[in-house]
Amino acid sequence: MTVLVTGASGLVGAEVVARLLAAGHDVLGVVHRVPELIGNNGRPLRAPKDRLRLVNGDVTKPGLGLELPGRVDHIVHCAAITDFGRPEALYQQVNVDGTRHVIELARTHATPLVHVGTAYVCGERSGTIAESELDVGQRMGNHYEESKLRAETLVRKASADGLPVAAVRPSIVVGAARTGVVRDFKNIYVVLKLTTQGRVRSVPGHFDAMLDLVPVDHVADVVTATVDRFGEAEGRTFHAVGGGLSLRDFSDVLAEFPSFHVPRFVSPTAFDPQRLPASERAYHDKVVVLYESYFRRRITFDRKETERFMTTKPPATGQAFLRRLLEHAVKAGYLGTPLPDVDQVLAGLRGN
């Protein structure tokens, strides 16, 4: 098959492209002024030009601003603004209007669509979130979530109108399951950096609140399987999630790293940002506030549909996985001060 992938240069998009190529498909990658695709391992994706073609497109334009060079069998829509704190109009333009343009393209060419959204369309709800649920009147945590809810609502409506669609909802996308390696240190990694460096010492949150971290390779596997077996996936929504870690888990694991400061989690009702030191309050007001609602949510994402659909077991994402993520970030120099390895210690002893 030939698969068009929007957002092909993104963290998830590039890994989806790599798996589609490995599965024998040809890929038409829609990029925005990017000359090559870089995988999560930091290396360029290599494939014959007739199997991987990159085209400059723009999801904010009708037809994505491009002419399709031939037949397309499936569309995978990964393109989105995922950073927090951006202008609301930008989320509308890229995440909502962009999805509308992709739906129109899929309709025009009678092409099945796989939409990549977010599990956090659930907003600030509590309890177990079903894969079949979408808009139940929930309060949204930020403009990003609002835009992704509106985008997936458009996809649901297109499905009801006869367009073949399936949706994949990742949670918080982080490094690879077995190694913790990640190409880009963004979003939750930024909060970890501020807290472990002691720049932010107090965070409003509940110790039993759950943060759901999912390995990027698992997300890409679910998306690729959805394309490969679209006949089974059509009309279904899959939670590509990790199972969740409590803030207590985070606190316990962070305490294992000698170079880390462990933040103090304060009940949101008792937390007063006005009482923070000036430097800490600046970080809180500009960064931490964007993520605060995630430290309050006592939620679990149901993934029964995904587990029934996938032929492989979901990766283990408990404390050991968090430890791998942090160890990679330390080794890469993003977090803390890397501790010397055994060879360095022995060399120092021999030098004495």
Protein backbone atom coordinates (compact mmCIF):
# COMPACT_ATOMS: atom_id res chain seq x y z
CA MET A 1 0.00 0.00 0.00
CA THR A 2 0.91 3.65 -0.27
CA VAL A 3 0.30 5.52 2.99
CA LEU A 4 0.25 9.30 3.35
CA VAL A 5 1.48 10.40 6.78
CA THR A 6 0.97 13.97 7.98
CA GLY A 7 3.38 15.20 10.62
CA ALA A 8 5.90 12.68 9.30
CA SER A 9 8.85 14.51 10.89
CA GLY A 10 7.36 14.46 14.40
CA LEU A 11 8.40 12.05 17.13
CA VAL A 12 5.43 9.72 16.58
CA GLY A 13 5.17 10.41 12.85
CA ALA A 14 8.76 9.40 12.07
CA GLU A 15 8.42 6.17 14.05
CA VAL A 16 5.18 5.36 12.22
CA VAL A 17 6.92 5.96 8.88
CA ALA A 18 9.79 3.65 9.89
CA ARG A 19 7.36 0.84 10.78
CA LEU A 20 5.25 1.28 7.66
CA LEU A 21 8.40 1.00 5.53
CA ALA A 22 9.51 -2.08 7.47
CA ALA A 23 6.10 -3.63 6.86
CA GLY A 24 6.59 -3.23 3.09
CA HIS A 25 4.43 -0.17 2.48
CA ASP A 26 5.41 2.91 0.47
CA VAL A 27 5.16 6.19 2.34
CA LEU A 28 4.33 9.70 1.25
CA GLY A 29 5.48 11.86 4.15
CA VAL A 30 3.97 15.33 4.49
CA VAL A 31 6.52 17.63 6.10
CA HIS A 32 6.93 21.36 6.65
CA ARG A 33 10.31 22.44 5.32
CA VAL A 34 12.17 19.41 6.70
CA PRO A 35 14.72 17.77 4.34
CA GLU A 36 14.84 14.34 6.03
CA LEU A 37 13.13 12.26 8.71
CA ILE A 38 14.95 11.51 11.96
CA GLY A 39 13.94 8.45 13.97
CA ASN A 40 13.63 8.35 17.73
CA ASN A 41 17.15 6.92 17.85
CA GLY A 42 18.49 10.14 16.35
CA ARG A 43 19.40 8.58 13.01
CA PRO A 44 17.94 9.52 9.60
CA LEU A 45 15.39 7.15 8.08
CA ARG A 46 16.80 5.56 4.94
CA ALA A 47 14.71 4.09 2.11
CA PRO A 48 14.74 4.09 -1.71
CA LYS A 49 13.24 7.27 -3.15
CA ASP A 50 10.43 5.35 -4.79
CA ARG A 51 9.39 3.99 -1.36
CA LEU A 52 9.75 7.10 0.80
CA ARG A 53 8.82 10.43 -0.73
CA LEU A 54 8.72 13.65 1.27
CA VAL A 55 6.45 16.46 0.13
CA ASN A 56 6.15 19.95 1.59
CA GLY A 57 2.59 20.45 2.74
CA ASP A 58 0.58 22.50 5.19
CA VAL A 59 -2.41 21.07 7.03
CA THR A 60 -3.77 24.58 7.59
CA LYS A 61 -4.48 24.82 3.85
CA PRO A 62 -7.27 23.05 1.94
CA GLY A 63 -5.90 19.94 0.28
CA LEU A 64 -2.82 20.41 2.53
CA GLY A 65 -1.48 22.70 -0.20
CA LEU A 66 -0.27 19.81 -2.35
CA GLU A 67 -1.11 17.65 -5.33
CA LEU A 68 -1.00 13.96 -4.54
CA PRO A 69 1.55 12.24 -6.80
CA GLY A 70 -0.49 9.14 -7.54
CA ARG A 71 -2.73 6.76 -5.61
CA VAL A 72 -2.94 6.81 -1.80
CA ASP A 73 -4.44 3.81 0.00
CA HIS A 74 -4.50 5.16 3.57
CA ILE A 75 -3.96 8.46 5.37
CA VAL A 76 -2.40 8.63 8.84
CA HIS A 77 -2.95 12.02 10.45
CA CYS A 78 -0.20 12.71 13.02
CA ALA A 79 0.31 16.43 12.44
CA ALA A 80 -0.57 18.58 15.45
CA ILE A 81 0.66 21.29 17.79
CA THR A 82 1.41 19.34 20.98
CA ASP A 83 3.29 22.02 22.93
CA PHE A 84 1.40 23.61 25.80
CA GLY A 85 0.91 27.32 26.30
CA ARG A 86 0.59 28.30 22.64
CA PRO A 87 -2.11 30.76 21.44
CA GLU A 88 -5.59 29.29 21.26
CA ALA A 89 -5.90 30.43 17.65
CA LEU A 90 -2.89 28.32 16.67
CA TYR A 91 -4.40 25.16 18.15
CA GLN A 92 -7.58 25.90 16.23
CA GLN A 93 -5.71 26.51 13.00
CA VAL A 94 -3.48 23.43 13.11
CA ASN A 95 -5.25 20.85 15.26
CA VAL A 96 -8.88 21.53 14.38
CA ASP A 97 -8.87 23.14 10.93
CA GLY A 98 -5.93 20.91 9.97
CA THR A 99 -7.96 17.82 10.84
CA ARG A 100 -10.90 19.18 8.86
CA HIS A 101 -8.66 19.58 5.80
CA VAL A 102 -7.32 16.05 6.19
CA ILE A 103 -10.88 14.70 6.40
CA GLU A 104 -11.79 16.60 3.24
CA LEU A 105 -8.74 15.16 1.48
CA ALA A 106 -9.70 11.65 2.59
CA ARG A 107 -13.26 12.16 1.34
CA THR A 108 -12.11 13.54 -2.00
CA HIS A 109 -9.92 10.51 -2.67
CA ALA A 110 -12.17 7.97 -0.88
CA THR A 111 -9.23 7.07 1.35
CA PRO A 112 -9.47 5.44 4.81
CA LEU A 113 -8.19 7.66 7.62
CA VAL A 114 -6.30 6.82 10.81
CA HIS A 115 -6.48 9.79 13.18
CA VAL A 116 -3.89 10.16 15.95
CA GLY A 117 -5.39 12.13 18.83
CA THR A 118 -4.76 12.05 22.58
CA ALA A 119 -6.13 10.06 25.48
CA TYR A 120 -6.46 13.37 27.32
CA VAL A 121 -9.54 14.33 25.35
CA CYS A 122 -11.07 13.03 28.59
CA GLY A 123 -10.27 16.39 30.18
CA GLU A 124 -10.31 16.78 33.95
CA ARG A 125 -12.38 13.70 34.70
CA SER A 126 -11.80 11.07 37.36
CA GLY A 127 -12.12 7.30 37.27
CA THR A 128 -11.83 4.97 34.30
CA ILE A 129 -12.00 6.46 30.81
CA ALA A 130 -13.49 4.19 28.16
CA GLU A 131 -12.10 4.10 24.63
CA SER A 132 -15.58 4.62 23.21
CA GLU A 133 -16.18 7.85 25.16
CA LEU A 134 -15.54 11.26 23.70
CA ASP A 135 -17.56 14.36 24.58
CA VAL A 136 -19.48 13.83 27.82
CA GLY A 137 -19.44 17.47 28.88
CA GLN A 138 -16.05 17.22 30.59
CA ARG A 139 -14.02 20.26 31.63
CA MET A 140 -10.87 20.49 29.55
CA GLY A 141 -7.47 21.09 31.08
CA ASN A 142 -6.00 23.40 28.44
CA HIS A 143 -6.42 24.71 24.91
CA TYR A 144 -4.45 21.76 23.49
CA GLU A 145 -6.95 19.26 24.92
CA GLU A 146 -9.87 21.39 23.76
CA SER A 147 -8.53 21.44 20.20
CA LYS A 148 -7.95 17.67 20.14
CA LEU A 149 -11.48 17.07 21.42
CA ARG A 150 -12.90 19.25 18.63
CA ALA A 151 -10.67 17.48 16.10
CA GLU A 152 -11.75 14.00 17.14
CA THR A 153 -15.37 15.13 17.17
CA LEU A 154 -14.93 16.02 13.49
CA VAL A 155 -13.47 12.56 12.87
CA ARG A 156 -16.41 10.89 14.64
CA LYS A 157 -18.86 12.88 12.53
CA ALA A 158 -17.00 11.95 9.34
CA SER A 159 -17.23 8.31 10.37
CA ALA A 160 -20.98 8.63 10.94
CA ASP A 161 -21.23 10.19 7.46
CA GLY A 162 -19.57 7.15 5.89
CA LEU A 163 -15.83 7.89 5.82
CA PRO A 164 -13.80 4.83 6.88
CA VAL A 165 -11.88 6.00 9.97
CA ALA A 166 -10.13 4.67 13.06
CA ALA A 167 -8.62 6.66 15.94
CA VAL A 168 -5.54 6.09 18.10
CA ARG A 169 -5.22 8.02 21.34
CA PRO A 170 -1.73 8.16 22.88
CA SER A 171 -1.28 9.40 26.43
CA ILE A 172 1.96 11.26 27.37
CA VAL A 173 4.50 10.09 24.79
CA VAL A 174 7.99 9.45 26.16
CA GLY A 175 11.08 7.37 25.34
CA ALA A 176 11.40 3.82 24.03
CA ALA A 177 10.14 0.98 26.19
CA ARG A 178 13.38 -1.01 26.56
CA THR A 179 15.96 1.77 26.52
CA GLY A 180 14.22 4.98 27.57
CA VAL A 181 15.81 6.72 24.58
CA VAL A 182 13.91 9.72 23.28
CA ARG A 183 14.76 12.04 20.40
CA ASP A 184 13.27 15.20 21.89
CA PHE A 185 13.12 16.24 25.54
CA LYS A 186 9.80 18.08 25.56
CA ASN A 187 6.62 18.54 27.62
CA ILE A 188 6.82 16.34 30.74
CA TYR A 189 10.61 16.26 30.46
CA VAL A 190 10.69 20.04 30.91
CA VAL A 191 8.79 19.74 34.21
CA LEU A 192 11.15 16.97 35.34
CA LYS A 193 14.12 19.19 34.56
CA LEU A 194 12.79 22.12 36.57
CA THR A 195 11.85 19.98 39.56
CA THR A 196 14.93 17.74 39.70
CA GLN A 197 17.19 20.80 39.45
CA GLY A 198 15.39 22.34 42.40
CA ARG A 199 14.18 25.33 40.41
CA VAL A 200 10.64 24.26 41.30
CA ARG A 201 10.47 22.75 44.78
CA SER A 202 6.72 22.67 45.44
CA VAL A 203 4.10 21.37 43.03
CA PRO A 204 0.33 21.26 43.59
CA GLY A 205 -0.86 17.69 43.20
CA HIS A 206 -2.28 14.55 44.79
CA PHE A 207 0.04 11.65 45.58
CA ASP A 208 -2.57 9.27 44.12
CA ALA A 209 -2.96 11.29 40.91
CA MET A 210 -1.91 9.28 37.86
CA LEU A 211 0.35 10.32 34.99
CA ASP A 212 0.11 7.96 32.05
CA LEU A 213 3.44 7.69 30.21
CA VAL A 214 3.52 5.65 27.01
CA PRO A 215 6.64 4.58 25.06
CA VAL A 216 6.81 6.12 21.61
CA ASP A 217 7.47 2.72 20.05
CA HIS A 218 4.22 1.32 21.46
CA VAL A 219 2.25 4.23 20.02
CA ALA A 220 3.85 3.72 16.61
CA ASP A 221 3.13 -0.03 16.80
CA VAL A 222 -0.57 0.59 17.48
CA VAL A 223 -0.86 3.12 14.64
CA THR A 224 0.92 0.79 12.19
CA ALA A 225 -1.25 -2.17 13.19
CA THR A 226 -4.32 -0.01 12.65
CA VAL A 227 -3.19 0.68 9.08
CA ASP A 228 -2.16 -2.92 8.40
CA ARG A 229 -5.46 -4.35 9.68
CA PHE A 230 -7.76 -1.47 8.92
CA GLY A 231 -10.62 -3.82 8.12
CA GLU A 232 -10.67 -4.86 11.80
CA ALA A 233 -9.85 -1.37 13.12
CA GLU A 234 -12.44 0.63 11.18
CA GLY A 235 -14.84 2.51 13.42
CA ARG A 236 -12.86 1.75 16.58
CA THR A 237 -10.81 3.89 18.96
CA PHE A 238 -7.65 2.60 20.61
CA HIS A 239 -5.99 3.89 23.76
CA ALA A 240 -2.24 3.67 23.14
CA VAL A 241 -1.38 4.18 26.80
CA GLY A 242 1.04 2.94 29.43
CA GLY A 243 -1.16 2.16 32.41
CA GLY A 244 -0.26 5.07 34.66
CA LEU A 245 2.19 6.01 37.41
CA SER A 246 1.13 7.80 40.58
CA LEU A 247 2.88 10.90 41.84
CA ARG A 248 4.01 8.71 44.75
CA ASP A 249 5.77 6.48 42.19
CA PHE A 250 7.47 9.55 40.72
CA SER A 251 8.57 10.76 44.13
CA ASP A 252 9.98 7.36 45.12
CA VAL A 253 11.94 6.90 41.89
CA LEU A 254 13.30 10.46 41.83
CA ALA A 255 14.63 9.91 45.34
CA GLU A 256 16.89 7.12 44.01
CA PHE A 257 19.00 9.62 42.02
CA PRO A 258 21.59 11.40 44.19
CA SER A 259 21.83 14.41 41.88
CA PHE A 260 18.05 15.01 41.84
CA HIS A 261 16.01 17.30 44.01
CA VAL A 262 12.68 15.62 44.86
CA PRO A 263 9.75 18.05 44.62
CA ARG A 264 7.23 18.37 47.40
CA PHE A 265 3.67 17.67 46.27
CA VAL A 266 1.19 19.91 48.06
CA SER A 267 -2.58 19.46 48.15
CA PRO A 268 -4.02 21.76 45.45
CA THR A 269 -6.45 23.26 47.97
CA ALA A 270 -3.57 24.27 50.24
CA PHE A 271 -1.15 25.39 47.53
CA ASP A 272 -0.67 29.16 47.24
CA PRO A 273 1.69 30.29 44.43
CA GLN A 274 1.86 33.74 46.05
CA ARG A 275 3.91 32.23 48.88
CA LEU A 276 6.60 30.84 46.58
CA PRO A 277 10.01 32.53 46.35
CA ALA A 278 10.13 34.98 43.44
CA SER A 279 12.37 32.82 41.21
CA GLU A 280 10.30 29.69 41.81
CA ARG A 281 7.05 31.53 41.25
CA ALA A 282 8.32 32.70 37.84
CA TYR A 283 8.88 29.08 36.77
CA HIS A 284 5.52 28.09 38.24
CA ASP A 285 3.61 30.84 36.44
CA LYS A 286 5.26 30.25 33.07
CA VAL A 287 5.71 26.45 32.96
CA VAL A 288 4.30 24.40 35.83
CA VAL A 289 0.86 26.01 35.62
CA LEU A 290 0.51 24.51 32.13
CA TYR A 291 0.76 21.00 33.58
CA GLU A 292 -0.92 21.45 36.98
CA SER A 293 -4.16 19.74 36.07
CA TYR A 294 -2.28 16.53 35.21
CA PHE A 295 -1.05 16.36 38.81
CA ARG A 296 -4.65 16.41 40.07
CA ARG A 297 -6.27 13.80 37.84
CA ARG A 298 -7.10 10.44 39.37
CA ILE A 299 -7.76 8.65 36.10
CA THR A 300 -7.15 5.32 34.42
CA PHE A 301 -7.43 4.78 30.69
CA ASP A 302 -9.25 1.60 29.76
CA ARG A 303 -7.39 -0.25 26.98
CA LYS A 304 -9.37 -3.45 26.52
CA GLU A 305 -10.12 -2.68 22.85
CA THR A 306 -6.44 -2.08 22.17
CA GLU A 307 -5.33 -5.24 23.97
CA ARG A 308 -7.87 -7.31 22.03
CA PHE A 309 -6.73 -5.78 18.76
CA MET A 310 -2.96 -5.92 19.19
CA THR A 311 -1.12 -9.20 18.74
CA THR A 312 1.61 -8.14 21.17
CA LYS A 313 1.36 -7.41 24.88
CA PRO A 314 1.51 -3.77 26.02
CA PRO A 315 4.91 -2.79 27.43
CA ALA A 316 5.52 -2.75 31.16
CA THR A 317 5.45 0.89 32.27
CA GLY A 318 5.84 0.82 36.03
CA GLN A 319 8.60 2.26 38.17
CA ALA A 320 11.28 0.33 36.26
CA PHE A 321 10.24 2.08 33.05
CA LEU A 322 10.33 5.50 34.71
CA ARG A 323 13.79 4.66 35.99
CA ARG A 324 14.94 3.88 32.43
CA LEU A 325 13.58 7.18 31.16
CA LEU A 326 15.41 9.10 33.87
CA GLU A 327 18.64 7.14 33.42
CA HIS A 328 18.69 7.96 29.72
CA ALA A 329 17.99 11.65 30.42
CA VAL A 330 20.91 11.68 32.88
CA LYS A 331 23.22 9.87 30.46
CA ALA A 332 22.28 12.32 27.70
CA GLY A 333 23.09 15.23 30.01
CA TYR A 334 19.54 16.57 30.11
CA LEU A 335 18.91 15.78 33.78
CA GLY A 336 21.16 15.86 36.80
CA THR A 337 24.86 15.17 36.79
CA PRO A 338 25.77 11.83 35.17
CA LEU A 339 27.44 9.51 37.64
CA PRO A 340 30.74 7.91 36.55
CA ASP A 341 30.50 4.42 35.07
CA VAL A 342 32.50 1.47 36.39
CA ASP A 343 35.40 1.95 33.96
CA GLN A 344 35.76 5.59 34.98
CA VAL A 345 35.78 4.68 38.67
CA LEU A 346 38.42 1.97 38.15
CA ALA A 347 40.54 4.33 36.05
CA GLY A 348 40.42 6.86 38.87
CA LEU A 349 41.48 4.25 41.40
CA ARG A 350 44.37 3.15 39.25
CA GLY A 351 45.41 6.77 38.87
CA ASN A 352 45.71 7.02 42.66
